Structures are given as C-alpha cells and as structure tokens.
Amino acid sequence: MPNTVGILSPGDMGHTVGNVLRENGLRVITCLHGRSQRTHELAEKAGIVDVSTYSQLVTEADFILSIMVPAQAMSAAAAVAEALQQVNTTLTYADCNAIAPQTVRELGDVITAAGGTFVDASIIGPPPRTPGATRFYASGPTLDTFSELNNYGLDVRTLGDEIGLASAIKMCYASLTKGLTALCTELLTAASLLGVSEALTAEFQVSQSALFERMERGLPSMPPKARRWIGEMEEISATFEHVGLTPNILTGAADIYRFVGDTHLADLPPEARDEFPTLAELIEILAENLKSK
C-alpha cells in the first residue's frame, strides 16, 4: 500500500490529481526545481510538499506520476533515472503523458535500466475535480501498486501487461477530441474570412446542433491549452505513421494549435475562465490575426 506519491509536475492536471490523492489519505510530494511561479502556487494550493532534489523525491516516494507536456516527458524520466542510480532505491514510475506508444517504450527502458518499475499510463478526461469524470488507463507487467490508486480517489482501468497500450488508447481518443477541436477552429475561422459565418452558424444550429453546442462550450477554453496540445498532436501523428497510416491529419491539427498559440489568448492561465472569449469573439480574434499577417 502506497504512503507517498510524487507528482511531476503539479500543473493544471497534476496539481488536481495530487489534491485528490492527498484528500484521500496519501502524502503527495514534488520537486519544483526550475518550475514556474504558477506551478509553485498550484502545488501549494493542493497541499503538495516541495522537496529540494530529485534524490529526495525518489527516496521518499513509493511511486511517481509523471504528468506534463509531451516534450518534457523524456527529460523528466532521465532525471528520475539518474536519481535512482545515485540513491540505489526501488521505485514505481508511471508515465501519464500524451506520448506515442513507441516513445513510451523508449522512456520505460530508461526507468527500468536504472532499476525502477515502469507503468505506461494515460489520462482521459479533464482534471479530476468531479468524481467519475476522469479515467486513468494503465498497462505494463507490474500494475499492482498503480491499481491501488483506485482506493485513493482515482479511477484506474488496466489494459494488460504490454507497455504501450495505455498510451495507444490516449492517442486514438485525443485524435478525436482535440483533432475535432482543431478542425472546428479552422473551419469557423475560414467561414469568418469567407464572409459566411452567420449562414454557417444558422445551418449548424439546424443540422448539427449538438456539435455546435460543443463548439460554443469547448472552443473558448482551448487557447490556454493550445501550446501544450501541439506536442500531443505531433505524438498522435507519429503513432499513426508508425502503424502505416497518414500522419498528415494530425500534423495539420498541430499547425492549428501553433497558430492559436501565437495569439494573446494563449497567455491566459486555464483557471482564468472569466477572461475567456465567447466563441464568436474567439473566431473574430483568430480571423483578425490572419488578416494582419
């Protein structure tokens, strides 16, 4: 039974996961060396204890959950592996990031070569502020420790003993949700530039009402996440290419998030919901940004 869980890194998702675990009886720690002031504040808000070094982190934690942007996943694993070798301890390391199955297998090798136990994990759903909204999928040869988080407020679902399965379901799922968000962003911006926004909106309300409601509800909160989603779309592209499919659909989605990430809206933190634009305001800003180029 775990007593202490390490979180790398307590951002929007990570600090919420840490808060759930802490509220359900676990001690939660992190190492905030090199992290932003916002991450420090989120960790403090969630009651996550900051330890000074990775060596202390791997010594005190029974296992670590890595929850960060895809581009940082490998460097975080390498830092933990180096600390593991220095202190000669055992640890279960769960990579919960949105990365391709072939990437996660390479990352797992880094941890196991240092003497750690590796779990391939992925998160589907929003930060777990509401019970039942978020699922943690897991795969790998040793899932007992990770599965015990079912007793501490998380919904853990195991997929088998093969590293890569948990990452694969995340890649396929996010290709729909975030890929569709990118497509909707692009087509609505195009409609504005082509002068048919009002007519298209009216048609959507008649023939695609559920989808249009989703656009109105979801797109305004997307810009603060756009920069993080670039790497995720690139990992999905690599996943699809690895199995012989075209990577181009999702590289296009990465381009859309790169475009949105260049606007001032991407500088808003996810918690600044009162400052988010309406759907119409978002599309107007994106269209004007293109016109100015």
Protein backbone atom coordinates (compact mmCIF):
# COMPACT_ATOMS: atom_id res chain seq x y z
CA MET A 1 0.00 0.00 0.00
CA PRO A 2 1.50 3.37 -1.01
CA ASN A 3 2.05 6.10 1.55
CA THR A 4 3.75 8.81 -0.51
CA VAL A 5 3.21 9.72 -4.16
CA GLY A 6 5.43 12.03 -6.18
CA ILE A 7 3.89 14.26 -8.85
CA LEU A 8 5.90 15.61 -11.77
CA SER A 9 4.68 18.22 -12.43
CA PRO A 10 1.84 19.83 -10.47
CA GLY A 11 0.41 21.93 -13.30
CA ASP A 12 -3.32 22.17 -14.07
CA MET A 13 -3.81 18.39 -14.30
CA GLY A 14 -1.01 17.35 -11.96
CA HIS A 15 -1.92 19.52 -9.00
CA THR A 16 -5.57 18.42 -9.23
CA VAL A 17 -4.54 14.75 -9.26
CA GLY A 18 -2.24 15.42 -6.31
CA ASN A 19 -5.03 17.14 -4.42
CA VAL A 20 -7.35 14.15 -4.90
CA LEU A 21 -4.69 11.75 -3.63
CA ARG A 22 -3.92 13.96 -0.63
CA GLU A 23 -7.61 14.33 0.25
CA ASN A 24 -7.88 10.54 0.18
CA GLY A 25 -5.10 9.99 2.67
CA LEU A 26 -1.79 9.95 0.80
CA ARG A 27 1.19 12.21 1.29
CA VAL A 28 1.97 13.94 -2.02
CA ILE A 29 5.35 15.44 -2.85
CA THR A 30 7.08 17.03 -5.82
CA CYS A 31 10.35 18.66 -6.83
CA LEU A 32 9.74 22.15 -8.18
CA HIS A 33 13.32 22.97 -9.15
CA GLY A 34 13.16 25.01 -12.37
CA ARG A 35 9.35 25.20 -12.39
CA SER A 36 7.33 28.38 -12.89
CA GLN A 37 5.87 30.56 -10.17
CA ARG A 38 2.38 29.43 -11.24
CA THR A 39 3.34 25.78 -10.72
CA HIS A 40 4.69 26.64 -7.26
CA GLU A 41 1.38 28.31 -6.42
CA LEU A 42 -0.70 25.39 -7.73
CA ALA A 43 1.36 22.91 -5.70
CA GLU A 44 0.93 24.98 -2.55
CA LYS A 45 -2.81 25.29 -3.22
CA ALA A 46 -3.10 21.50 -3.48
CA GLY A 47 -1.08 20.82 -0.35
CA ILE A 48 1.73 19.17 -2.31
CA VAL A 49 5.05 19.23 -0.44
CA ASP A 50 8.07 20.53 -2.36
CA VAL A 51 11.29 18.58 -1.77
CA SER A 52 14.59 20.11 -2.78
CA THR A 53 16.13 17.41 -5.00
CA TYR A 54 15.16 14.52 -7.26
CA SER A 55 17.22 12.25 -5.00
CA GLN A 56 14.96 13.17 -2.09
CA LEU A 57 11.90 12.72 -4.30
CA VAL A 58 12.79 9.15 -5.32
CA THR A 59 13.86 8.27 -1.78
CA GLU A 60 10.62 9.39 -0.14
CA ALA A 61 8.07 8.44 -2.84
CA ASP A 62 6.64 4.95 -3.22
CA PHE A 63 5.93 5.84 -6.81
CA ILE A 64 5.90 8.83 -9.13
CA LEU A 65 3.25 10.03 -11.55
CA SER A 66 4.70 11.97 -14.48
CA ILE A 67 2.06 14.43 -15.75
CA MET A 68 3.47 17.09 -18.06
CA VAL A 69 3.68 18.22 -21.68
CA PRO A 70 4.95 15.53 -24.08
CA ALA A 71 8.19 17.34 -24.85
CA GLN A 72 9.26 17.17 -21.18
CA ALA A 73 8.40 13.51 -20.57
CA MET A 74 11.75 12.00 -21.54
CA SER A 75 13.88 14.55 -19.69
CA ALA A 76 11.82 14.04 -16.53
CA ALA A 77 12.27 10.27 -16.78
CA ALA A 78 16.00 10.71 -17.33
CA ALA A 79 16.29 12.93 -14.25
CA VAL A 80 14.43 10.38 -12.12
CA ALA A 81 16.55 7.54 -13.53
CA GLU A 82 19.75 9.41 -12.66
CA ALA A 83 18.49 9.98 -9.12
CA LEU A 84 17.52 6.31 -8.82
CA GLN A 85 21.04 5.23 -9.70
CA GLN A 86 22.54 7.67 -7.20
CA VAL A 87 20.47 6.60 -4.19
CA ASN A 88 20.12 2.91 -5.09
CA THR A 89 16.42 2.63 -4.25
CA THR A 90 13.41 0.99 -5.89
CA LEU A 91 10.51 2.98 -7.29
CA THR A 92 7.45 2.59 -9.49
CA TYR A 93 7.33 5.28 -12.18
CA ALA A 94 4.07 5.86 -14.09
CA ASP A 95 4.30 7.98 -17.21
CA CYS A 96 0.84 9.53 -17.64
CA ASN A 97 1.72 11.76 -20.58
CA ALA A 98 0.20 12.01 -24.05
CA ILE A 99 3.01 10.32 -25.96
CA ALA A 100 3.18 7.70 -28.69
CA PRO A 101 3.45 4.01 -27.74
CA GLN A 102 6.89 3.75 -29.34
CA THR A 103 8.00 6.80 -27.35
CA VAL A 104 6.72 5.41 -24.07
CA ARG A 105 8.56 2.12 -24.63
CA GLU A 106 11.83 4.04 -25.00
CA LEU A 107 11.03 6.03 -21.87
CA GLY A 108 10.21 2.86 -19.97
CA ASP A 109 13.60 1.43 -20.86
CA VAL A 110 15.26 4.45 -19.25
CA ILE A 111 13.46 3.82 -15.96
CA THR A 112 13.91 0.04 -15.87
CA ALA A 113 17.62 0.32 -16.76
CA ALA A 114 18.00 2.42 -13.61
CA GLY A 115 16.31 -0.24 -11.51
CA GLY A 116 12.80 1.21 -11.39
CA THR A 117 9.47 -0.40 -12.22
CA PHE A 118 7.63 1.23 -15.11
CA VAL A 119 3.91 1.71 -15.76
CA ASP A 120 2.51 3.03 -19.03
CA ALA A 121 -0.45 5.24 -18.09
CA SER A 122 -2.69 7.79 -19.74
CA ILE A 123 -5.39 10.19 -18.61
CA ILE A 124 -8.68 10.62 -20.45
CA GLY A 125 -10.93 13.41 -19.26
CA PRO A 126 -10.44 16.76 -17.52
CA PRO A 127 -8.54 17.33 -14.28
CA PRO A 128 -10.40 15.13 -11.75
CA ARG A 129 -12.33 17.79 -9.88
CA THR A 130 -15.57 15.82 -10.25
CA PRO A 131 -15.79 12.10 -9.36
CA GLY A 132 -16.32 9.93 -12.43
CA ALA A 133 -15.10 12.50 -14.98
CA THR A 134 -11.56 11.20 -15.43
CA ARG A 135 -10.09 7.78 -16.21
CA PHE A 136 -6.51 6.61 -15.75
CA TYR A 137 -5.66 3.78 -18.14
CA ALA A 138 -2.64 1.66 -17.31
CA SER A 139 -0.65 -1.14 -18.91
CA GLY A 140 2.56 -2.96 -18.10
CA PRO A 141 3.88 -6.10 -16.46
CA THR A 142 3.53 -4.78 -12.88
CA LEU A 143 0.31 -2.85 -12.20
CA ASP A 144 -0.49 -3.79 -8.60
CA THR A 145 0.88 -0.62 -6.99
CA PHE A 146 -0.65 1.71 -9.55
CA SER A 147 -4.02 -0.06 -9.37
CA GLU A 148 -4.16 0.65 -5.64
CA LEU A 149 -4.85 4.29 -6.52
CA ASN A 150 -8.43 3.13 -7.07
CA ASN A 151 -8.59 3.21 -3.26
CA TYR A 152 -7.41 6.84 -3.14
CA GLY A 153 -9.86 8.72 -5.33
CA LEU A 154 -8.71 7.87 -8.86
CA ASP A 155 -10.45 5.70 -11.46
CA VAL A 156 -7.74 3.31 -12.70
CA ARG A 157 -8.51 0.89 -15.54
CA THR A 158 -5.94 -1.71 -16.58
CA LEU A 159 -5.46 -2.82 -20.19
CA GLY A 160 -2.92 -5.63 -19.95
CA ASP A 161 0.76 -6.28 -19.41
CA GLU A 162 2.08 -4.69 -22.63
CA ILE A 163 3.81 -1.33 -22.38
CA GLY A 164 2.22 0.97 -24.97
CA LEU A 165 -1.44 0.01 -24.67
CA ALA A 166 -2.35 2.83 -22.31
CA SER A 167 -0.58 5.37 -24.49
CA ALA A 168 -2.26 3.94 -27.58
CA ILE A 169 -5.79 4.45 -26.25
CA LYS A 170 -4.90 8.04 -25.34
CA MET A 171 -3.52 8.73 -28.81
CA CYS A 172 -6.63 7.36 -30.53
CA TYR A 173 -9.04 9.11 -28.17
CA ALA A 174 -7.32 12.50 -28.29
CA SER A 175 -7.15 12.35 -32.08
CA LEU A 176 -10.94 12.62 -32.00
CA THR A 177 -11.44 15.15 -29.22
CA LYS A 178 -8.54 17.53 -29.84
CA GLY A 179 -8.39 16.80 -33.55
CA LEU A 180 -12.06 17.75 -33.84
CA THR A 181 -11.46 20.90 -31.81
CA ALA A 182 -8.70 21.89 -34.25
CA LEU A 183 -10.92 21.17 -37.25
CA CYS A 184 -13.78 23.23 -35.81
CA THR A 185 -11.40 26.10 -35.06
CA GLU A 186 -10.09 26.08 -38.60
CA LEU A 187 -13.44 25.85 -40.36
CA LEU A 188 -15.06 28.59 -38.25
CA THR A 189 -12.09 30.89 -38.87
CA ALA A 190 -12.29 30.14 -42.59
CA ALA A 191 -16.04 30.86 -42.58
CA SER A 192 -15.36 34.25 -40.99
CA LEU A 193 -12.71 35.12 -43.56
CA LEU A 194 -15.02 33.96 -46.37
CA GLY A 195 -17.94 36.00 -45.09
CA VAL A 196 -20.35 33.13 -44.33
CA SER A 197 -20.17 32.90 -40.52
CA GLU A 198 -23.80 33.82 -39.87
CA ALA A 199 -25.16 31.49 -42.54
CA LEU A 200 -22.95 28.62 -41.42
CA THR A 201 -23.91 29.12 -37.77
CA ALA A 202 -27.58 29.04 -38.70
CA GLU A 203 -27.06 25.84 -40.69
CA PHE A 204 -25.14 24.21 -37.82
CA GLN A 205 -27.96 25.11 -35.41
CA VAL A 206 -30.43 23.35 -37.70
CA SER A 207 -28.48 20.28 -38.79
CA GLN A 208 -25.55 19.96 -36.31
CA SER A 209 -26.99 21.42 -33.12
CA ALA A 210 -25.18 19.07 -30.70
CA LEU A 211 -21.83 19.65 -32.39
CA PHE A 212 -22.33 23.43 -32.49
CA GLU A 213 -23.21 23.45 -28.77
CA ARG A 214 -19.96 21.59 -28.18
CA MET A 215 -18.09 24.27 -30.15
CA GLU A 216 -19.70 27.05 -28.11
CA ARG A 217 -18.94 25.26 -24.87
CA GLY A 218 -15.45 23.98 -25.57
CA LEU A 219 -13.58 26.19 -28.02
CA PRO A 220 -13.37 29.36 -25.85
CA SER A 221 -11.35 27.46 -23.21
CA MET A 222 -8.95 25.97 -25.75
CA PRO A 223 -6.37 28.79 -26.32
CA PRO A 224 -4.63 28.46 -22.91
CA LYS A 225 -4.04 24.78 -23.75
CA ALA A 226 -3.10 25.24 -27.41
CA ARG A 227 0.67 25.33 -26.93
CA ARG A 228 0.60 22.15 -24.85
CA TRP A 229 -1.52 20.41 -27.47
CA ILE A 230 0.98 20.99 -30.29
CA GLY A 231 3.25 18.27 -28.99
CA GLU A 232 0.32 15.96 -28.33
CA MET A 233 -0.85 16.23 -31.93
CA GLU A 234 2.69 15.51 -33.11
CA GLU A 235 2.82 12.39 -30.93
CA ILE A 236 -0.51 11.22 -32.38
CA SER A 237 0.86 11.82 -35.87
CA ALA A 238 3.91 9.70 -35.05
CA THR A 239 1.65 6.98 -33.64
CA PHE A 240 -0.45 6.78 -36.78
CA GLU A 241 2.58 6.88 -39.07
CA HIS A 242 4.17 4.06 -37.04
CA VAL A 243 1.28 1.73 -37.93
CA GLY A 244 1.27 2.74 -41.60
CA LEU A 245 -1.41 5.45 -41.60
CA THR A 246 -1.04 9.05 -42.74
CA PRO A 247 0.35 11.42 -40.11
CA ASN A 248 -0.86 14.47 -42.00
CA ILE A 249 -4.31 14.91 -40.46
CA LEU A 250 -2.89 15.45 -37.00
CA THR A 251 0.17 17.42 -38.11
CA GLY A 252 -2.43 19.82 -39.50
CA ALA A 253 -4.10 19.94 -36.09
CA ALA A 254 -0.70 20.76 -34.58
CA ASP A 255 -0.44 23.65 -37.05
CA ILE A 256 -3.81 25.00 -35.89
CA TYR A 257 -2.73 24.89 -32.25
CA ARG A 258 0.54 26.55 -33.18
CA PHE A 259 -1.48 29.32 -34.89
CA VAL A 260 -3.73 29.77 -31.82
CA GLY A 261 -0.69 29.64 -29.55
CA ASP A 262 0.69 32.74 -31.26
CA THR A 263 -2.26 34.85 -30.05
CA HIS A 264 -2.54 36.69 -26.74
CA LEU A 265 -5.37 34.35 -25.70
CA ALA A 266 -2.84 31.55 -25.24
CA ASP A 267 -1.19 33.57 -22.46
CA LEU A 268 -4.27 33.22 -20.24
CA PRO A 269 -3.96 30.58 -17.49
CA PRO A 270 -6.57 27.79 -17.63
CA GLU A 271 -8.12 28.99 -14.38
CA ALA A 272 -8.88 32.49 -15.76
CA ARG A 273 -12.28 31.41 -17.06
CA ASP A 274 -13.83 34.85 -16.53
CA GLU A 275 -11.44 36.21 -19.16
CA PHE A 276 -12.17 33.62 -21.85
CA PRO A 277 -13.82 34.96 -25.03
CA THR A 278 -17.13 33.77 -26.39
CA LEU A 279 -16.95 31.53 -29.45
CA ALA A 280 -17.75 34.47 -31.75
CA GLU A 281 -15.08 36.62 -30.08
CA LEU A 282 -12.51 33.84 -30.37
CA ILE A 283 -13.10 33.37 -34.08
CA GLU A 284 -13.01 37.12 -34.68
CA ILE A 285 -9.64 37.36 -32.95
CA LEU A 286 -8.23 34.45 -34.96
CA ALA A 287 -9.54 35.87 -38.24
CA GLU A 288 -8.15 39.32 -37.49
CA ASN A 289 -4.80 37.76 -36.62
CA LEU A 290 -4.65 36.18 -40.06
CA LYS A 291 -5.70 39.39 -41.78
CA SER A 292 -2.89 41.28 -40.09
CA LYS A 293 -0.22 38.96 -41.45
